[in-house]
Amino acid sequence: MARQVVAGVPPGGGPARIAFRGLRRFHLDVRP
């Protein structure tokens, strides 16, 4: 947990539905 990140969908594309796994499974709509 000593390492955390800020991430996002690179500019230029449309919104993306991104699925995640780990402690919970979920998806998010992420804008560029």
PDB file of all heavy atoms in Angstrom:
ATOM      1  N   MET A   1       0.818  -1.208   0.000  1.00  0.00           N
ATOM      2  CA  MET A   1       0.000   0.000   0.000  1.00  0.00           C
ATOM      3  C   MET A   1       0.858   1.268   0.000  1.00  0.00           C
ATOM      4  O   MET A   1       0.330   2.371  -0.125  1.00  0.00           O
ATOM      5  CB  MET A   1      -0.948  -0.008   1.189  1.00  0.00           C
ATOM      6  CG  MET A   1      -2.053  -1.030   1.039  1.00  0.00           C
ATOM      7  SD  MET A   1      -3.069  -1.233   2.509  1.00  0.00           S
ATOM      8  CE  MET A   1      -3.630   0.418   2.809  1.00  0.00           C
ATOM      9  N   ALA A   2       2.160   1.120   0.095  1.00  0.00           N
ATOM     10  CA  ALA A   2       3.069   2.267   0.076  1.00  0.00           C
ATOM     11  C   ALA A   2       3.152   2.897  -1.310  1.00  0.00           C
ATOM     12  O   ALA A   2       3.719   3.969  -1.467  1.00  0.00           O
ATOM     13  CB  ALA A   2       4.459   1.840   0.537  1.00  0.00           C
ATOM     14  N   ARG A   3       2.585   2.254  -2.307  1.00  0.00           N
ATOM     15  CA  ARG A   3       2.613   2.770  -3.694  1.00  0.00           C
ATOM     16  C   ARG A   3       1.184   2.927  -4.187  1.00  0.00           C
ATOM     17  O   ARG A   3       0.391   1.986  -4.144  1.00  0.00           O
ATOM     18  CB  ARG A   3       3.373   1.808  -4.599  1.00  0.00           C
ATOM     19  CG  ARG A   3       3.408   2.239  -6.043  1.00  0.00           C
ATOM     20  CD  ARG A   3       4.205   1.217  -6.870  1.00  0.00           C
ATOM     21  NE  ARG A   3       3.857   1.304  -8.250  1.00  0.00           N
ATOM     22  CZ  ARG A   3       2.851   0.684  -8.857  1.00  0.00           C
ATOM     23  NH1 ARG A   3       2.076  -0.127  -8.179  1.00  0.00           N
ATOM     24  NH2 ARG A   3       2.620   0.839 -10.131  1.00  0.00           N
ATOM     25  N   GLN A   4       0.877   4.138  -4.658  1.00  0.00           N
ATOM     26  CA  GLN A   4      -0.429   4.426  -5.219  1.00  0.00           C
ATOM     27  C   GLN A   4      -0.241   5.244  -6.488  1.00  0.00           C
ATOM     28  O   GLN A   4       0.791   5.880  -6.665  1.00  0.00           O
ATOM     29  CB  GLN A   4      -1.303   5.148  -4.196  1.00  0.00           C
ATOM     30  CG  GLN A   4      -1.529   4.271  -2.968  1.00  0.00           C
ATOM     31  CD  GLN A   4      -2.379   4.917  -1.910  1.00  0.00           C
ATOM     32  OE1 GLN A   4      -3.283   5.679  -2.216  1.00  0.00           O
ATOM     33  NE2 GLN A   4      -2.094   4.609  -0.663  1.00  0.00           N
ATOM     34  N   VAL A   5      -1.236   5.210  -7.358  1.00  0.00           N
ATOM     35  CA  VAL A   5      -1.085   5.883  -8.650  1.00  0.00           C
ATOM     36  C   VAL A   5      -2.305   6.735  -8.989  1.00  0.00           C
ATOM     37  O   VAL A   5      -3.412   6.465  -8.525  1.00  0.00           O
ATOM     38  CB  VAL A   5      -0.835   4.868  -9.802  1.00  0.00           C
ATOM     39  CG1 VAL A   5       0.430   4.067  -9.574  1.00  0.00           C
ATOM     40  CG2 VAL A   5      -2.029   3.965 -10.008  1.00  0.00           C
ATOM     41  N   VAL A   6      -2.043   7.746  -9.810  1.00  0.00           N
ATOM     42  CA  VAL A   6      -3.107   8.516 -10.454  1.00  0.00           C
ATOM     43  C   VAL A   6      -3.085   8.089 -11.912  1.00  0.00           C
ATOM     44  O   VAL A   6      -2.042   8.135 -12.568  1.00  0.00           O
ATOM     45  CB  VAL A   6      -2.872  10.030 -10.343  1.00  0.00           C
ATOM     46  CG1 VAL A   6      -3.940  10.786 -11.127  1.00  0.00           C
ATOM     47  CG2 VAL A   6      -2.855  10.472  -8.890  1.00  0.00           C
ATOM     48  N   ALA A   7      -4.221   7.639 -12.407  1.00  0.00           N
ATOM     49  CA  ALA A   7      -4.300   7.136 -13.779  1.00  0.00           C
ATOM     50  C   ALA A   7      -5.534   7.700 -14.458  1.00  0.00           C
ATOM     51  O   ALA A   7      -6.444   8.222 -13.810  1.00  0.00           O
ATOM     52  CB  ALA A   7      -4.340   5.610 -13.780  1.00  0.00           C
ATOM     53  N   GLY A   8      -5.556   7.563 -15.773  1.00  0.00           N
ATOM     54  CA  GLY A   8      -6.708   8.001 -16.539  1.00  0.00           C
ATOM     55  C   GLY A   8      -6.616   7.515 -17.967  1.00  0.00           C
ATOM     56  O   GLY A   8      -5.607   6.946 -18.388  1.00  0.00           O
ATOM     57  N   VAL A   9      -7.685   7.745 -18.705  1.00  0.00           N
ATOM     58  CA  VAL A   9      -7.720   7.406 -20.123  1.00  0.00           C
ATOM     59  C   VAL A   9      -6.975   8.513 -20.867  1.00  0.00           C
ATOM     60  O   VAL A   9      -7.243   9.691 -20.640  1.00  0.00           O
ATOM     61  CB  VAL A   9      -9.180   7.289 -20.615  1.00  0.00           C
ATOM     62  CG1 VAL A   9      -9.246   7.169 -22.121  1.00  0.00           C
ATOM     63  CG2 VAL A   9      -9.867   6.111 -19.943  1.00  0.00           C
ATOM     64  N   PRO A  10      -6.024   8.162 -21.711  1.00  0.00           N
ATOM     65  CA  PRO A  10      -5.270   9.203 -22.433  1.00  0.00           C
ATOM     66  C   PRO A  10      -6.190  10.114 -23.237  1.00  0.00           C
ATOM     67  O   PRO A  10      -7.256   9.693 -23.692  1.00  0.00           O
ATOM     68  CB  PRO A  10      -4.343   8.399 -23.357  1.00  0.00           C
ATOM     69  CG  PRO A  10      -4.262   7.047 -22.745  1.00  0.00           C
ATOM     70  CD  PRO A  10      -5.581   6.815 -22.071  1.00  0.00           C
ATOM     71  N   PRO A  11      -5.790  11.379 -23.430  1.00  0.00           N
ATOM     72  CA  PRO A  11      -6.613  12.307 -24.207  1.00  0.00           C
ATOM     73  C   PRO A  11      -6.755  11.840 -25.654  1.00  0.00           C
ATOM     74  O   PRO A  11      -5.953  11.073 -26.153  1.00  0.00           O
ATOM     75  CB  PRO A  11      -5.830  13.622 -24.160  1.00  0.00           C
ATOM     76  CG  PRO A  11      -4.684  13.411 -23.260  1.00  0.00           C
ATOM     77  CD  PRO A  11      -4.566  11.962 -22.948  1.00  0.00           C
ATOM     78  N   GLY A  12      -7.785  12.328 -26.299  1.00  0.00           N
ATOM     79  CA  GLY A  12      -7.961  12.039 -27.713  1.00  0.00           C
ATOM     80  C   GLY A  12      -8.987  10.973 -28.012  1.00  0.00           C
ATOM     81  O   GLY A  12      -9.536  10.941 -29.100  1.00  0.00           O
ATOM     82  N   GLY A  13      -9.236  10.098 -27.084  1.00  0.00           N
ATOM     83  CA  GLY A  13     -10.236   9.060 -27.307  1.00  0.00           C
ATOM     84  C   GLY A  13     -11.533   9.426 -26.614  1.00  0.00           C
ATOM     85  O   GLY A  13     -11.639  10.439 -25.952  1.00  0.00           O
ATOM     86  N   GLY A  14     -12.507   8.583 -26.789  1.00  0.00           N
ATOM     87  CA  GLY A  14     -13.776   8.810 -26.115  1.00  0.00           C
ATOM     88  C   GLY A  14     -13.755   8.207 -24.727  1.00  0.00           C
ATOM     89  O   GLY A  14     -12.767   7.600 -24.316  1.00  0.00           O
ATOM     90  N   PRO A  15     -14.828   8.362 -23.995  1.00  0.00           N
ATOM     91  CA  PRO A  15     -14.911   7.710 -22.689  1.00  0.00           C
ATOM     92  C   PRO A  15     -14.757   6.196 -22.846  1.00  0.00           C
ATOM     93  O   PRO A  15     -15.106   5.635 -23.875  1.00  0.00           O
ATOM     94  CB  PRO A  15     -16.306   8.054 -22.188  1.00  0.00           C
ATOM     95  CG  PRO A  15     -16.752   9.208 -23.023  1.00  0.00           C
ATOM     96  CD  PRO A  15     -16.023   9.099 -24.325  1.00  0.00           C
ATOM     97  N   ALA A  16     -14.208   5.583 -21.834  1.00  0.00           N
ATOM     98  CA  ALA A  16     -13.990   4.135 -21.883  1.00  0.00           C
ATOM     99  C   ALA A  16     -14.588   3.490 -20.652  1.00  0.00           C
ATOM    100  O   ALA A  16     -14.477   4.030 -19.550  1.00  0.00           O
ATOM    101  CB  ALA A  16     -12.496   3.838 -21.956  1.00  0.00           C
ATOM    102  N   ARG A  17     -15.223   2.350 -20.834  1.00  0.00           N
ATOM    103  CA  ARG A  17     -15.686   1.569 -19.688  1.00  0.00           C
ATOM    104  C   ARG A  17     -14.533   0.651 -19.316  1.00  0.00           C
ATOM    105  O   ARG A  17     -14.119  -0.201 -20.088  1.00  0.00           O
ATOM    106  CB  ARG A  17     -16.927   0.771 -20.038  1.00  0.00           C
ATOM    107  CG  ARG A  17     -17.375  -0.080 -18.844  1.00  0.00           C
ATOM    108  CD  ARG A  17     -18.813  -0.416 -18.881  1.00  0.00           C
ATOM    109  NE  ARG A  17     -19.582   0.749 -18.478  1.00  0.00           N
ATOM    110  CZ  ARG A  17     -20.892   0.726 -18.264  1.00  0.00           C
ATOM    111  NH1 ARG A  17     -21.568  -0.379 -18.422  1.00  0.00           N
ATOM    112  NH2 ARG A  17     -21.527   1.824 -17.911  1.00  0.00           N
ATOM    113  N   ILE A  18     -13.995   0.849 -18.114  1.00  0.00           N
ATOM    114  CA  ILE A  18     -12.828   0.101 -17.648  1.00  0.00           C
ATOM    115  C   ILE A  18     -13.275  -0.838 -16.528  1.00  0.00           C
ATOM    116  O   ILE A  18     -13.897  -0.400 -15.555  1.00  0.00           O
ATOM    117  CB  ILE A  18     -11.728   1.045 -17.110  1.00  0.00           C
ATOM    118  CG1 ILE A  18     -11.408   2.154 -18.111  1.00  0.00           C
ATOM    119  CG2 ILE A  18     -10.497   0.261 -16.696  1.00  0.00           C
ATOM    120  CD1 ILE A  18     -10.644   1.720 -19.318  1.00  0.00           C
ATOM    121  N   ALA A  19     -12.945  -2.111 -16.662  1.00  0.00           N
ATOM    122  CA  ALA A  19     -13.264  -3.106 -15.644  1.00  0.00           C
ATOM    123  C   ALA A  19     -12.052  -3.302 -14.729  1.00  0.00           C
ATOM    124  O   ALA A  19     -10.907  -3.250 -15.182  1.00  0.00           O
ATOM    125  CB  ALA A  19     -13.647  -4.427 -16.302  1.00  0.00           C
ATOM    126  N   PHE A  20     -12.320  -3.522 -13.454  1.00  0.00           N
ATOM    127  CA  PHE A  20     -11.276  -3.699 -12.441  1.00  0.00           C
ATOM    128  C   PHE A  20     -11.521  -4.982 -11.665  1.00  0.00           C
ATOM    129  O   PHE A  20     -12.642  -5.453 -11.531  1.00  0.00           O
ATOM    130  CB  PHE A  20     -11.277  -2.526 -11.459  1.00  0.00           C
ATOM    131  CG  PHE A  20     -10.885  -1.233 -12.081  1.00  0.00           C
ATOM    132  CD1 PHE A  20     -11.823  -0.452 -12.733  1.00  0.00           C
ATOM    133  CD2 PHE A  20      -9.578  -0.779 -12.021  1.00  0.00           C
ATOM    134  CE1 PHE A  20     -11.464   0.758 -13.316  1.00  0.00           C
ATOM    135  CE2 PHE A  20      -9.203   0.419 -12.599  1.00  0.00           C
ATOM    136  CZ  PHE A  20     -10.159   1.188 -13.248  1.00  0.00           C
ATOM    137  N   ARG A  21     -10.423  -5.508 -11.132  1.00  0.00           N
ATOM    138  CA  ARG A  21     -10.494  -6.675 -10.237  1.00  0.00           C
ATOM    139  C   ARG A  21      -9.612  -6.388  -9.041  1.00  0.00           C
ATOM    140  O   ARG A  21      -8.838  -5.450  -9.029  1.00  0.00           O
ATOM    141  CB  ARG A  21     -10.055  -7.934 -10.952  1.00  0.00           C
ATOM    142  CG  ARG A  21      -8.610  -7.895 -11.391  1.00  0.00           C
ATOM    143  CD  ARG A  21      -8.259  -9.133 -12.221  1.00  0.00           C
ATOM    144  NE  ARG A  21      -7.168  -8.823 -13.109  1.00  0.00           N
ATOM    145  CZ  ARG A  21      -5.888  -9.001 -12.810  1.00  0.00           C
ATOM    146  NH1 ARG A  21      -5.536  -9.486 -11.662  1.00  0.00           N
ATOM    147  NH2 ARG A  21      -4.952  -8.693 -13.680  1.00  0.00           N
ATOM    148  N   GLY A  22      -9.717  -7.189  -8.044  1.00  0.00           N
ATOM    149  CA  GLY A  22      -8.935  -7.012  -6.820  1.00  0.00           C
ATOM    150  C   GLY A  22      -9.832  -7.253  -5.625  1.00  0.00           C
ATOM    151  O   GLY A  22     -10.566  -8.238  -5.600  1.00  0.00           O
ATOM    152  N   LEU A  23      -9.818  -6.337  -4.657  1.00  0.00           N
ATOM    153  CA  LEU A  23     -10.695  -6.485  -3.504  1.00  0.00           C
ATOM    154  C   LEU A  23     -12.154  -6.537  -3.917  1.00  0.00           C
ATOM    155  O   LEU A  23     -12.962  -7.201  -3.284  1.00  0.00           O
ATOM    156  CB  LEU A  23     -10.499  -5.325  -2.523  1.00  0.00           C
ATOM    157  CG  LEU A  23      -9.196  -5.314  -1.745  1.00  0.00           C
ATOM    158  CD1 LEU A  23      -9.118  -4.091  -0.842  1.00  0.00           C
ATOM    159  CD2 LEU A  23      -9.043  -6.568  -0.913  1.00  0.00           C
ATOM    160  N   ARG A  24     -12.462  -5.808  -4.959  1.00  0.00           N
ATOM    161  CA  ARG A  24     -13.814  -5.799  -5.517  1.00  0.00           C
ATOM    162  C   ARG A  24     -13.711  -5.847  -7.033  1.00  0.00           C
ATOM    163  O   ARG A  24     -12.765  -5.364  -7.606  1.00  0.00           O
ATOM    164  CB  ARG A  24     -14.565  -4.525  -5.125  1.00  0.00           C
ATOM    165  CG  ARG A  24     -14.804  -4.375  -3.652  1.00  0.00           C
ATOM    166  CD  ARG A  24     -15.584  -3.094  -3.401  1.00  0.00           C
ATOM    167  NE  ARG A  24     -15.725  -2.842  -1.991  1.00  0.00           N
ATOM    168  CZ  ARG A  24     -16.844  -3.042  -1.311  1.00  0.00           C
ATOM    169  NH1 ARG A  24     -17.910  -3.501  -1.916  1.00  0.00           N
ATOM    170  NH2 ARG A  24     -16.896  -2.779  -0.031  1.00  0.00           N
ATOM    171  N   ARG A  25     -14.731  -6.412  -7.652  1.00  0.00           N
ATOM    172  CA  ARG A  25     -14.836  -6.357  -9.112  1.00  0.00           C
ATOM    173  C   ARG A  25     -15.856  -5.264  -9.426  1.00  0.00           C
ATOM    174  O   ARG A  25     -16.935  -5.246  -8.850  1.00  0.00           O
ATOM    175  CB  ARG A  25     -15.311  -7.685  -9.678  1.00  0.00           C
ATOM    176  CG  ARG A  25     -14.265  -8.756  -9.610  1.00  0.00           C
ATOM    177  CD  ARG A  25     -14.785 -10.036 -10.273  1.00  0.00           C
ATOM    178  NE  ARG A  25     -13.723 -10.997 -10.347  1.00  0.00           N
ATOM    179  CZ  ARG A  25     -12.895 -11.121 -11.379  1.00  0.00           C
ATOM    180  NH1 ARG A  25     -13.046 -10.364 -12.428  1.00  0.00           N
ATOM    181  NH2 ARG A  25     -11.935 -12.020 -11.358  1.00  0.00           N
ATOM    182  N   PHE A  26     -15.494  -4.387 -10.334  1.00  0.00           N
ATOM    183  CA  PHE A  26     -16.380  -3.296 -10.699  1.00  0.00           C
ATOM    184  C   PHE A  26     -15.926  -2.734 -12.035  1.00  0.00           C
ATOM    185  O   PHE A  26     -14.894  -3.129 -12.573  1.00  0.00           O
ATOM    186  CB  PHE A  26     -16.378  -2.190  -9.626  1.00  0.00           C
ATOM    187  CG  PHE A  26     -15.033  -1.575  -9.400  1.00  0.00           C
ATOM    188  CD1 PHE A  26     -14.649  -0.422 -10.070  1.00  0.00           C
ATOM    189  CD2 PHE A  26     -14.130  -2.152  -8.506  1.00  0.00           C
ATOM    190  CE1 PHE A  26     -13.397   0.130  -9.866  1.00  0.00           C
ATOM    191  CE2 PHE A  26     -12.883  -1.598  -8.292  1.00  0.00           C
ATOM    192  CZ  PHE A  26     -12.512  -0.453  -8.980  1.00  0.00           C
ATOM    193  N   HIS A  27     -16.711  -1.822 -12.560  1.00  0.00           N
ATOM    194  CA  HIS A  27     -16.322  -1.108 -13.769  1.00  0.00           C
ATOM    195  C   HIS A  27     -16.668   0.366 -13.581  1.00  0.00           C
ATOM    196  O   HIS A  27     -17.518   0.722 -12.766  1.00  0.00           O
ATOM    197  CB  HIS A  27     -16.994  -1.688 -15.021  1.00  0.00           C
ATOM    198  CG  HIS A  27     -18.484  -1.630 -14.969  1.00  0.00           C
ATOM    199  ND1 HIS A  27     -19.234  -2.666 -14.473  1.00  0.00           N
ATOM    200  CD2 HIS A  27     -19.360  -0.670 -15.329  1.00  0.00           C
ATOM    201  CE1 HIS A  27     -20.511  -2.347 -14.537  1.00  0.00           C
ATOM    202  NE2 HIS A  27     -20.623  -1.135 -15.048  1.00  0.00           N
ATOM    203  N   LEU A  28     -15.975   1.198 -14.328  1.00  0.00           N
ATOM    204  CA  LEU A  28     -16.200   2.642 -14.300  1.00  0.00           C
ATOM    205  C   LEU A  28     -16.204   3.168 -15.724  1.00  0.00           C
ATOM    206  O   LEU A  28     -15.511   2.633 -16.584  1.00  0.00           O
ATOM    207  CB  LEU A  28     -15.075   3.350 -13.541  1.00  0.00           C
ATOM    208  CG  LEU A  28     -14.933   3.079 -12.059  1.00  0.00           C
ATOM    209  CD1 LEU A  28     -13.628   3.670 -11.551  1.00  0.00           C
ATOM    210  CD2 LEU A  28     -16.113   3.654 -11.297  1.00  0.00           C
ATOM    211  N   ASP A  29     -16.953   4.230 -15.936  1.00  0.00           N
ATOM    212  CA  ASP A  29     -16.853   4.968 -17.185  1.00  0.00           C
ATOM    213  C   ASP A  29     -15.849   6.084 -16.924  1.00  0.00           C
ATOM    214  O   ASP A  29     -16.047   6.922 -16.039  1.00  0.00           O
ATOM    215  CB  ASP A  29     -18.206   5.541 -17.607  1.00  0.00           C
ATOM    216  CG  ASP A  29     -19.160   4.447 -18.082  1.00  0.00           C
ATOM    217  OD1 ASP A  29     -18.680   3.345 -18.423  1.00  0.00           O
ATOM    218  OD2 ASP A  29     -20.381   4.705 -18.121  1.00  0.00           O
ATOM    219  N   VAL A  30     -14.748   6.075 -17.691  1.00  0.00           N
ATOM    220  CA  VAL A  30     -13.662   7.024 -17.477  1.00  0.00           C
ATOM    221  C   VAL A  30     -13.561   7.922 -18.707  1.00  0.00           C
ATOM    222  O   VAL A  30     -13.385   7.432 -19.827  1.00  0.00           O
ATOM    223  CB  VAL A  30     -12.321   6.300 -17.211  1.00  0.00           C
ATOM    224  CG1 VAL A  30     -11.223   7.305 -16.890  1.00  0.00           C
ATOM    225  CG2 VAL A  30     -12.479   5.276 -16.074  1.00  0.00           C
ATOM    226  N   ARG A  31     -13.658   9.226 -18.460  1.00  0.00           N
ATOM    227  CA  ARG A  31     -13.551  10.194 -19.546  1.00  0.00           C
ATOM    228  C   ARG A  31     -12.071  10.429 -19.874  1.00  0.00           C
ATOM    229  O   ARG A  31     -11.205  10.205 -19.033  1.00  0.00           O
ATOM    230  CB  ARG A  31     -14.200  11.517 -19.160  1.00  0.00           C
ATOM    231  CG  ARG A  31     -15.709  11.369 -18.951  1.00  0.00           C
ATOM    232  CD  ARG A  31     -16.355  12.698 -18.647  1.00  0.00           C
ATOM    233  NE  ARG A  31     -16.122  13.087 -17.259  1.00  0.00           N
ATOM    234  CZ  ARG A  31     -17.042  13.610 -16.469  1.00  0.00           C
ATOM    235  NH1 ARG A  31     -18.259  13.839 -16.911  1.00  0.00           N
ATOM    236  NH2 ARG A  31     -16.756  13.942 -15.234  1.00  0.00           N
ATOM    237  N   PRO A  32     -11.776  10.909 -21.065  1.00  0.00           N
ATOM    238  CA  PRO A  32     -10.374  11.190 -21.431  1.00  0.00           C
ATOM    239  C   PRO A  32      -9.773  12.246 -20.503  1.00  0.00           C
ATOM    240  O   PRO A  32     -10.459  13.148 -20.016  1.00  0.00           O
ATOM    241  CB  PRO A  32     -10.460  11.723 -22.861  1.00  0.00           C
ATOM    242  CG  PRO A  32     -11.760  11.192 -23.376  1.00  0.00           C
ATOM    243  CD  PRO A  32     -12.677  11.117 -22.196  1.00  0.00           C
TER     244      PRO A  32
END
